N, C-alpha and C. Protein backbone atom coordinates (compact mmCIF):
# COMPACT_ATOMS: atom_id res chain seq x y z
N MET A 1 25.07 99.31 137.07
CA MET A 1 24.42 99.70 136.07
C MET A 1 23.41 100.20 136.17
N ASP A 2 22.73 101.81 135.40
CA ASP A 2 21.86 102.19 136.16
C ASP A 2 20.84 100.94 135.07
N PRO A 3 19.54 101.05 135.39
CA PRO A 3 18.62 99.97 134.52
C PRO A 3 18.18 101.00 133.58
N HIS A 4 17.95 102.00 133.59
CA HIS A 4 18.16 102.99 132.25
C HIS A 4 18.97 103.08 130.91
N ALA A 5 20.03 102.81 131.29
CA ALA A 5 21.13 102.80 130.20
C ALA A 5 21.16 101.35 129.74
N LEU A 6 20.27 100.19 130.57
CA LEU A 6 20.62 98.96 130.66
C LEU A 6 19.36 98.89 129.22
N ILE A 7 18.26 99.63 129.44
CA ILE A 7 17.47 99.03 128.10
C ILE A 7 17.61 99.72 126.94
N ALA A 8 19.04 101.17 127.60
CA ALA A 8 18.74 102.10 126.06
C ALA A 8 19.75 101.20 125.23
N LEU A 9 20.90 100.30 126.19
CA LEU A 9 21.58 99.28 125.35
C LEU A 9 21.04 98.50 124.27
N SER A 10 19.58 98.00 125.38
CA SER A 10 19.46 96.73 124.59
C SER A 10 18.50 97.14 123.29
N GLN A 11 18.15 98.58 123.23
CA GLN A 11 17.59 99.12 122.39
C GLN A 11 18.57 99.22 121.16
N ALA A 12 19.33 99.75 121.61
CA ALA A 12 20.75 99.68 120.65
C ALA A 12 20.74 98.91 120.14
N TRP A 13 20.92 97.51 120.58
CA TRP A 13 21.42 96.34 120.14
C TRP A 13 20.30 95.95 119.26
N THR A 14 18.94 95.84 119.90
CA THR A 14 18.38 95.53 118.88
C THR A 14 17.48 96.09 117.25
N ASP A 15 17.88 97.44 117.68
CA ASP A 15 17.87 97.84 116.64
C ASP A 15 19.67 97.55 115.35
N SER A 16 20.37 97.41 115.85
CA SER A 16 21.66 97.01 115.02
C SER A 16 21.30 95.40 114.54
N ILE A 17 20.64 94.78 115.37
CA ILE A 17 20.32 93.13 114.84
C ILE A 17 19.49 93.55 113.59
N GLY A 18 18.29 94.06 113.97
CA GLY A 18 17.66 94.70 112.61
C GLY A 18 18.02 95.20 111.37
N LEU A 19 18.59 96.12 111.99
CA LEU A 19 19.37 97.04 110.54
C LEU A 19 20.35 95.71 109.91
N ILE A 20 21.12 94.63 110.25
CA ILE A 20 21.78 93.83 109.92
C ILE A 20 21.03 92.82 108.75
N PHE A 21 20.19 92.58 109.89
CA PHE A 21 18.81 91.62 109.17
C PHE A 21 18.62 92.29 107.78
N THR A 22 17.86 93.24 108.14
CA THR A 22 17.75 94.02 106.52
C THR A 22 18.63 94.65 105.60
N TRP A 23 19.26 95.07 105.85
CA TRP A 23 20.76 95.13 104.55
C TRP A 23 21.40 94.03 104.35
N VAL A 24 21.78 92.58 105.14
CA VAL A 24 22.92 91.63 104.88
C VAL A 24 22.05 90.56 104.67
N ILE A 25 20.59 90.33 104.98
CA ILE A 25 19.85 89.07 104.67
C ILE A 25 18.55 89.38 103.83
N LEU A 26 17.69 90.53 103.94
CA LEU A 26 16.22 90.61 103.59
C LEU A 26 16.68 91.20 102.11
N LEU A 27 17.45 92.26 102.07
CA LEU A 27 17.71 92.89 100.63
C LEU A 27 17.93 92.01 99.60
N PRO A 28 19.12 91.52 100.04
CA PRO A 28 19.58 90.60 99.08
C PRO A 28 19.05 89.39 98.60
N VAL A 29 18.02 89.01 99.12
CA VAL A 29 17.32 87.80 98.89
C VAL A 29 15.84 88.28 98.09
N VAL A 30 15.12 89.53 98.71
CA VAL A 30 14.57 90.14 97.77
C VAL A 30 14.91 90.65 95.89
N ALA A 31 15.82 90.80 96.09
CA ALA A 31 17.12 90.78 94.68
C ALA A 31 17.13 90.20 94.18
N THR A 32 17.40 88.95 94.96
CA THR A 32 17.36 87.98 94.22
C THR A 32 16.15 86.88 93.60
N ILE A 33 14.92 87.08 94.28
CA ILE A 33 14.24 86.58 93.98
C ILE A 33 13.63 87.44 92.66
N CYS A 34 13.85 89.04 92.82
CA CYS A 34 13.67 89.76 91.52
C CYS A 34 14.32 88.84 89.88
N VAL A 35 15.66 88.97 90.52
CA VAL A 35 16.28 88.13 88.89
C VAL A 35 16.07 87.17 88.58
N ILE A 36 15.97 86.33 89.64
CA ILE A 36 15.04 85.14 88.89
C ILE A 36 13.67 84.81 88.58
N VAL A 37 12.99 85.85 88.81
CA VAL A 37 11.98 85.94 88.12
C VAL A 37 11.68 86.63 87.07
N SER A 38 12.71 87.44 86.84
CA SER A 38 12.85 88.32 85.79
C SER A 38 13.73 87.09 84.20
N ILE A 39 14.68 86.31 84.89
CA ILE A 39 15.15 85.49 84.23
C ILE A 39 14.10 84.38 83.56
N ILE A 40 13.67 83.58 84.30
CA ILE A 40 12.34 82.84 84.42
C ILE A 40 11.52 83.24 83.44
N SER A 41 10.80 84.70 83.52
CA SER A 41 9.95 85.26 82.34
C SER A 41 10.27 85.91 81.01
N GLY A 42 11.74 86.16 81.47
CA GLY A 42 12.38 86.03 80.04
C GLY A 42 12.79 84.79 79.03
N ARG A 43 12.81 83.77 79.25
CA ARG A 43 12.89 82.58 79.00
C ARG A 43 11.56 82.15 78.47
N GLY A 44 10.52 82.90 78.89
CA GLY A 44 8.90 82.28 79.30
C GLY A 44 9.02 82.90 77.33
N ASP A 45 9.24 84.12 77.38
CA ASP A 45 8.70 85.55 76.67
C ASP A 45 9.82 84.78 75.09
N LYS A 46 10.87 84.39 75.45
CA LYS A 46 11.72 83.88 74.51
C LYS A 46 11.13 82.41 73.62
N ALA A 47 10.57 81.54 74.54
CA ALA A 47 9.91 80.53 73.58
C ALA A 47 8.56 80.84 72.99
N VAL A 48 7.80 82.15 73.69
CA VAL A 48 6.43 82.51 73.01
C VAL A 48 6.98 83.42 71.94
N ASP A 49 8.26 83.72 71.43
CA ASP A 49 8.62 84.48 70.45
C ASP A 49 9.20 83.27 69.85
N ASP A 50 9.78 82.32 70.10
CA ASP A 50 10.21 81.46 68.77
C ASP A 50 9.01 80.79 68.19
N GLU A 51 8.19 80.57 69.02
CA GLU A 51 6.72 79.34 68.62
C GLU A 51 6.18 80.64 66.80
N ARG A 52 6.38 81.94 67.43
CA ARG A 52 5.55 82.62 66.27
C ARG A 52 6.50 83.36 65.73
N ALA A 53 7.85 82.53 65.32
CA ALA A 53 8.67 83.46 64.75
C ALA A 53 7.78 83.13 63.68
N GLY A 54 8.28 84.02 62.00
CA GLY A 54 7.55 83.78 60.92
C GLY A 54 6.13 84.06 60.60
N ARG A 55 5.47 84.70 61.94
CA ARG A 55 4.50 85.57 61.87
C ARG A 55 4.26 86.88 61.16
N TRP A 56 3.63 87.53 60.53
CA TRP A 56 3.16 88.61 59.90
C TRP A 56 4.72 89.42 59.25
N GLY A 57 4.95 88.27 58.35
CA GLY A 57 5.85 88.53 58.07
C GLY A 57 7.54 88.43 58.47
N ARG A 58 7.56 87.72 59.58
CA ARG A 58 8.94 88.17 60.09
C ARG A 58 9.54 87.00 59.68
N LYS A 59 10.50 86.69 59.40
CA LYS A 59 11.13 85.37 59.02
C LYS A 59 12.46 84.95 60.34
N PRO A 60 13.00 83.90 60.45
CA PRO A 60 13.57 83.57 61.40
C PRO A 60 15.29 83.57 60.70
N PRO A 61 16.06 84.24 61.21
CA PRO A 61 17.39 84.49 60.53
C PRO A 61 17.94 83.50 59.75
N PRO A 62 19.11 83.13 58.89
CA PRO A 62 19.45 82.48 58.17
C PRO A 62 20.06 81.21 58.98
N GLY A 63 20.11 79.84 58.70
CA GLY A 63 20.37 79.04 59.16
C GLY A 63 19.49 78.47 61.09
N ARG A 64 18.49 79.48 60.93
CA ARG A 64 17.55 79.02 62.60
C ARG A 64 16.40 78.92 62.21
N GLU A 65 16.11 77.53 61.36
CA GLU A 65 14.78 77.35 60.89
C GLU A 65 14.60 75.72 61.69
């Protein structure tokens, strides 16, 4: 086998492994982290809103006091 072909084959495998890592592992992890951060942030915002309920003329819905 030609040494240049072996290097090209090695580069192709390296590129393939990099792409598989990026699309199959890295992007889903980043997306999952973004979803988790937004859920935690939403829960915190809701807690603050629940604390401030009734201020500025807003009343909580009936049965939720």
